[in-house]
N, C-alpha and C. Protein backbone atom coordinates (compact mmCIF):
# COMPACT_ATOMS: atom_id res chain seq x y z
N UNK A 1 -14.59 -8.39 -0.56
CA UNK A 1 -13.96 -8.53 0.52
C UNK A 1 -12.77 -9.48 1.43
N UNK A 2 -13.26 -10.60 1.08
CA UNK A 2 -13.00 -11.80 1.60
C UNK A 2 -11.50 -12.05 1.17
N UNK A 3 -10.96 -11.63 -0.21
CA UNK A 3 -10.14 -12.09 -0.73
C UNK A 3 -8.96 -11.32 -0.57
N UNK A 4 -9.20 -9.74 0.24
CA UNK A 4 -8.13 -8.71 0.31
C UNK A 4 -8.15 -8.98 1.58
N UNK A 5 -9.33 -9.29 2.48
CA UNK A 5 -9.36 -8.79 4.25
C UNK A 5 -8.26 -10.15 4.71
N UNK A 6 -8.69 -11.43 4.43
CA UNK A 6 -8.08 -12.05 5.10
C UNK A 6 -6.22 -12.14 5.05
N UNK A 7 -5.64 -11.75 3.82
CA UNK A 7 -4.26 -12.02 3.70
C UNK A 7 -3.86 -10.51 4.41
N UNK A 8 -4.61 -9.28 4.30
CA UNK A 8 -3.95 -8.30 4.82
C UNK A 8 -4.00 -8.34 6.43
N UNK A 9 -5.11 -9.04 7.03
CA UNK A 9 -5.06 -9.03 8.36
C UNK A 9 -4.46 -10.32 8.70
N UNK A 10 -3.71 -11.09 8.39
CA UNK A 10 -3.07 -12.17 8.75
C UNK A 10 -1.43 -11.90 8.38
N UNK A 11 -0.90 -10.80 8.05
CA UNK A 11 0.35 -10.32 8.08
C UNK A 11 0.69 -8.79 8.96
N UNK A 12 1.84 -9.45 9.72
CA UNK A 12 2.45 -8.50 10.49
C UNK A 12 3.63 -8.31 10.46
N UNK A 13 4.38 -7.25 11.30
CA UNK A 13 5.89 -6.79 10.67
C UNK A 13 6.45 -7.18 11.81
N UNK A 14 7.82 -7.60 11.73
CA UNK A 14 8.61 -7.75 12.78
C UNK A 14 9.99 -6.88 12.39
N UNK A 15 9.85 -5.86 13.60
CA UNK A 15 11.46 -5.05 13.42
C UNK A 15 12.79 -5.73 13.64
N UNK A 16 13.72 -5.86 13.07
CA UNK A 16 15.22 -6.19 13.45
C UNK A 16 15.72 -5.18 12.70
N UNK A 17 16.08 -4.30 13.33
CA UNK A 17 16.90 -3.19 13.05
C UNK A 17 16.37 -2.45 12.41
N UNK A 18 17.05 -2.37 11.24
CA UNK A 18 16.51 -1.19 10.25
C UNK A 18 15.72 -2.14 8.94
N UNK A 19 15.54 -3.53 9.19
CA UNK A 19 14.71 -4.31 8.08
C UNK A 19 13.35 -4.53 8.99
N UNK A 20 12.45 -4.56 7.97
CA UNK A 20 11.25 -5.16 8.45
C UNK A 20 10.78 -6.55 7.67
N UNK A 21 10.54 -7.52 8.43
CA UNK A 21 10.08 -8.79 7.96
C UNK A 21 8.80 -8.95 8.00
N UNK A 22 7.99 -9.15 6.62
CA UNK A 22 6.75 -9.49 6.73
C UNK A 22 6.28 -10.81 7.04
N UNK A 23 5.82 -11.53 8.10
CA UNK A 23 5.52 -13.10 8.37
C UNK A 23 4.07 -13.08 7.90
N UNK A 24 3.90 -14.08 7.51
CA UNK A 24 2.55 -14.48 7.03
C UNK A 24 1.77 -15.46 8.04
N UNK A 25 0.93 -15.58 8.90
CA UNK A 25 0.43 -16.11 9.85
C UNK A 25 -0.87 -17.01 9.34
N UNK A 26 -0.48 -18.40 9.51
CA UNK A 26 -1.55 -19.09 9.07
C UNK A 26 -2.90 -19.08 9.70
N UNK A 27 -4.13 -18.82 9.03
CA UNK A 27 -5.23 -18.73 9.46
C UNK A 27 -6.28 -19.87 9.51
N UNK A 28 -6.54 -20.56 10.57
CA UNK A 28 -7.22 -21.86 10.58
C UNK A 28 -8.86 -21.03 10.46
N UNK A 29 -9.36 -22.07 10.06
CA UNK A 29 -11.13 -21.81 9.93
C UNK A 29 -11.53 -21.18 11.22
N UNK A 30 -11.22 -21.59 12.70
CA UNK A 30 -11.97 -21.12 14.06
C UNK A 30 -11.41 -19.49 14.02
N UNK A 31 -10.45 -19.13 13.63
CA UNK A 31 -9.86 -17.54 13.56
C UNK A 31 -10.69 -16.83 12.95
N UNK A 32 -11.13 -17.18 11.52
CA UNK A 32 -11.77 -16.77 10.49
C UNK A 32 -12.98 -15.61 10.72
N UNK A 33 -13.88 -16.07 11.86
CA UNK A 33 -14.85 -14.73 12.05
C UNK A 33 -14.38 -14.04 13.19
N UNK A 34 -13.18 -14.32 13.90
CA UNK A 34 -12.64 -13.35 14.88
C UNK A 34 -11.97 -11.94 13.50
N UNK A 35 -10.98 -12.83 12.82
CA UNK A 35 -10.83 -11.89 11.69
C UNK A 35 -11.72 -10.69 11.21
N UNK A 36 -12.74 -11.82 10.43
CA UNK A 36 -13.78 -10.71 10.02
C UNK A 36 -14.58 -9.70 10.90
N UNK A 37 -14.62 -10.20 12.00
CA UNK A 37 -15.45 -9.34 13.26
C UNK A 37 -14.30 -7.98 13.53
N UNK A 38 -12.57 -8.31 13.41
CA UNK A 38 -12.27 -7.12 13.93
C UNK A 38 -11.95 -6.42 12.52
N UNK A 39 -12.13 -6.71 11.13
CA UNK A 39 -12.14 -6.04 10.42
C UNK A 39 -13.55 -5.18 10.02
N UNK A 40 -14.56 -5.64 10.77
CA UNK A 40 -15.97 -4.99 10.34
C UNK A 40 -15.87 -3.94 11.34
N UNK A 41 -15.14 -3.98 12.71
CA UNK A 41 -15.22 -3.14 13.43
C UNK A 41 -13.84 -1.95 13.28
N UNK A 42 -12.84 -1.97 12.15
CA UNK A 42 -12.32 -1.01 11.95
C UNK A 42 -12.85 0.16 11.19
N UNK A 43 -12.90 1.53 11.52
CA UNK A 43 -13.87 2.46 10.94
C UNK A 43 -13.08 2.61 9.63
N UNK A 44 -11.94 2.98 9.48
CA UNK A 44 -11.13 3.23 8.33
C UNK A 44 -11.37 2.30 7.41
N UNK A 45 -11.19 1.09 7.64
CA UNK A 45 -11.35 -0.11 6.53
C UNK A 45 -12.96 0.22 6.24
N UNK A 46 -13.64 -0.10 6.82
CA UNK A 46 -15.06 0.18 6.42
C UNK A 46 -15.48 1.58 6.01
N UNK A 47 -15.06 2.38 5.79
CA UNK A 47 -15.18 3.94 5.29
C UNK A 47 -14.38 3.66 3.72
N UNK A 48 -13.47 2.91 3.65
CA UNK A 48 -12.96 3.13 2.35
C UNK A 48 -13.47 2.03 1.25
N UNK A 49 -14.15 1.29 2.10
CA UNK A 49 -15.19 0.14 1.32
C UNK A 49 -16.36 0.60 0.82
N UNK A 50 -16.89 1.73 1.74
CA UNK A 50 -17.83 2.34 1.45
C UNK A 50 -17.89 3.40 0.38
N UNK A 51 -16.70 4.18 0.31
CA UNK A 51 -16.20 5.02 -0.59
C UNK A 51 -16.26 4.17 -2.04
N UNK A 52 -15.73 2.86 -1.86
CA UNK A 52 -15.50 2.44 -3.35
C UNK A 52 -17.12 2.14 -3.66
N UNK A 53 -17.86 1.88 -2.97
CA UNK A 53 -19.09 1.25 -3.05
C UNK A 53 -19.73 2.41 -4.06
N UNK A 54 -19.65 3.63 -3.11
CA UNK A 54 -20.65 4.74 -3.98
C UNK A 54 -20.02 5.18 -5.27
N UNK A 55 -18.61 5.36 -5.30
CA UNK A 55 -17.80 5.57 -6.31
C UNK A 55 -18.43 4.80 -7.37
N UNK A 56 -18.26 3.61 -7.31
CA UNK A 56 -18.55 2.73 -8.33
C UNK A 56 -19.98 2.54 -9.17
N UNK A 57 -20.96 2.80 -7.83
CA UNK A 57 -22.26 3.15 -8.10
C UNK A 57 -22.65 4.30 -8.73
N UNK A 58 -21.91 5.09 -8.49
CA UNK A 58 -22.22 6.45 -9.38
C UNK A 58 -21.49 6.36 -10.78
N UNK A 59 -20.31 5.62 -11.00
CA UNK A 59 -19.70 5.69 -12.28
C UNK A 59 -20.91 4.54 -13.09
N UNK A 60 -21.18 3.90 -12.69
CA UNK A 60 -22.13 2.73 -13.23
C UNK A 60 -23.46 3.59 -13.60
N UNK A 61 -24.25 4.66 -12.91
CA UNK A 61 -25.29 5.17 -13.28
C UNK A 61 -24.77 6.10 -14.37
N UNK A 62 -23.61 6.66 -14.26
CA UNK A 62 -23.20 7.70 -15.56
C UNK A 62 -23.07 6.74 -16.69
N UNK A 63 -22.56 5.75 -16.86
CA UNK A 63 -22.13 4.83 -18.00
C UNK A 63 -23.41 4.49 -18.49
N UNK A 64 -24.40 4.14 -17.78
CA UNK A 64 -25.74 3.66 -18.54
C UNK A 64 -26.21 4.74 -19.20
N UNK A 65 -26.01 6.03 -19.22
CA UNK A 65 -27.11 7.16 -19.86
C UNK A 65 -26.36 8.28 -20.29
N UNK A 66 -25.22 7.86 -20.40
CA UNK A 66 -24.12 9.20 -20.95
C UNK A 66 -24.14 8.82 -22.71
N UNK A 67 -24.25 7.90 -23.27
CA UNK A 67 -23.80 7.54 -24.34
C UNK A 67 -25.37 8.13 -24.86
N UNK A 68 -26.41 7.85 -24.78
CA UNK A 68 -27.68 8.26 -24.98
C UNK A 68 -28.05 9.83 -24.63
N UNK A 69 -27.23 10.63 -24.01
CA UNK A 69 -27.49 11.63 -23.78
C UNK A 69 -26.40 12.68 -24.68
N UNK A 70 -25.19 12.05 -24.90
CA UNK A 70 -24.11 12.29 -26.22
C UNK A 70 -25.02 12.61 -27.42
N UNK A 71 -25.94 11.48 -27.73
CA UNK A 71 -26.40 11.34 -28.88
C UNK A 71 -27.70 12.26 -29.06
N UNK A 72 -28.43 12.35 -28.18
CA UNK A 72 -29.81 13.61 -28.33
C UNK A 72 -28.72 14.85 -28.05
N UNK A 73 -27.91 15.20 -27.26
CA UNK A 73 -27.67 16.41 -27.12
C UNK A 73 -26.92 17.09 -28.31
N UNK A 74 -25.44 16.12 -28.94
CA UNK A 74 -24.48 16.57 -29.87
C UNK A 74 -24.73 16.12 -31.04
N UNK A 75 -25.91 15.16 -31.05
CA UNK A 75 -26.45 14.34 -32.81
C UNK A 75 -25.12 13.82 -33.45
N UNK A 76 -25.06 13.13 -32.25
CA UNK A 76 -23.33 12.43 -32.98
C UNK A 76 -23.70 11.05 -33.13
N UNK A 77 -23.11 9.97 -34.12
CA UNK A 77 -23.85 8.69 -34.24
C UNK A 77 -23.40 7.75 -32.70
N UNK A 78 -24.32 6.88 -32.69
CA UNK A 78 -24.34 5.72 -31.67
C UNK A 78 -22.72 5.41 -31.24
N UNK A 79 -22.02 4.88 -32.00
CA UNK A 79 -20.58 4.30 -31.95
C UNK A 79 -19.62 5.37 -31.24
N UNK A 80 -19.71 6.72 -31.77
CA UNK A 80 -18.70 7.52 -31.27
C UNK A 80 -19.55 8.20 -30.16
N UNK A 81 -20.66 8.18 -29.68
CA UNK A 81 -20.94 8.51 -28.37
C UNK A 81 -20.39 7.09 -27.44
N UNK A 82 -20.67 6.44 -27.79
CA UNK A 82 -19.98 5.06 -26.63
C UNK A 82 -18.47 4.95 -26.46
N UNK A 83 -17.72 5.44 -27.72
CA UNK A 83 -16.30 5.53 -27.39
C UNK A 83 -16.05 6.93 -26.67
N UNK A 84 -16.79 8.00 -26.64
CA UNK A 84 -16.60 9.07 -25.95
C UNK A 84 -16.84 8.62 -24.32
N UNK A 85 -18.14 7.84 -24.17
CA UNK A 85 -18.27 7.56 -22.91
C UNK A 85 -17.31 6.54 -22.16
N UNK A 86 -16.84 5.72 -22.96
CA UNK A 86 -15.94 4.75 -22.70
C UNK A 86 -14.29 5.85 -22.19
N UNK A 87 -13.86 6.92 -23.04
CA UNK A 87 -12.84 7.44 -22.74
C UNK A 87 -13.05 8.24 -21.14
N UNK A 88 -14.30 8.84 -21.40
CA UNK A 88 -15.08 9.77 -19.91
C UNK A 88 -14.77 8.76 -18.89
N UNK A 89 -14.99 7.48 -18.74
CA UNK A 89 -14.95 6.72 -17.69
C UNK A 89 -13.92 6.25 -17.25
N UNK A 90 -13.08 6.31 -18.24
CA UNK A 90 -11.12 6.01 -17.99
C UNK A 90 -10.57 7.35 -17.22
N UNK A 91 -11.38 8.36 -17.58
CA UNK A 91 -10.60 9.52 -16.96
C UNK A 91 -11.07 9.93 -15.54
N UNK A 92 -12.33 9.14 -15.34
CA UNK A 92 -13.17 9.21 -14.10
C UNK A 92 -12.39 8.32 -12.88
N UNK A 93 -12.52 7.07 -13.70
CA UNK A 93 -11.77 6.02 -12.52
C UNK A 93 -10.62 6.19 -12.57
N UNK A 94 -9.87 7.06 -13.51
CA UNK A 94 -8.07 7.14 -13.12
C UNK A 94 -7.58 5.97 -13.36
């Protein structure tokens, strides 16, 4: 969260006619707590973070047990079941 939060928070746009210029503000250590507080108060940013946490926890649980399930239910070798689980994880994660 730290590596994505600080750069995005310190960018702002400047409208000059039809062109938008991005200007990077230098963030001094005194302003960091204020930046984090603003990010923690942003409900959309926090919901996106929670969505990522839940998505990755579901996929992690799925990937832990799916090869063994494929082995027992479809009687396929271990390596083949792992390959199928890897392909499924790529499809799920997009």
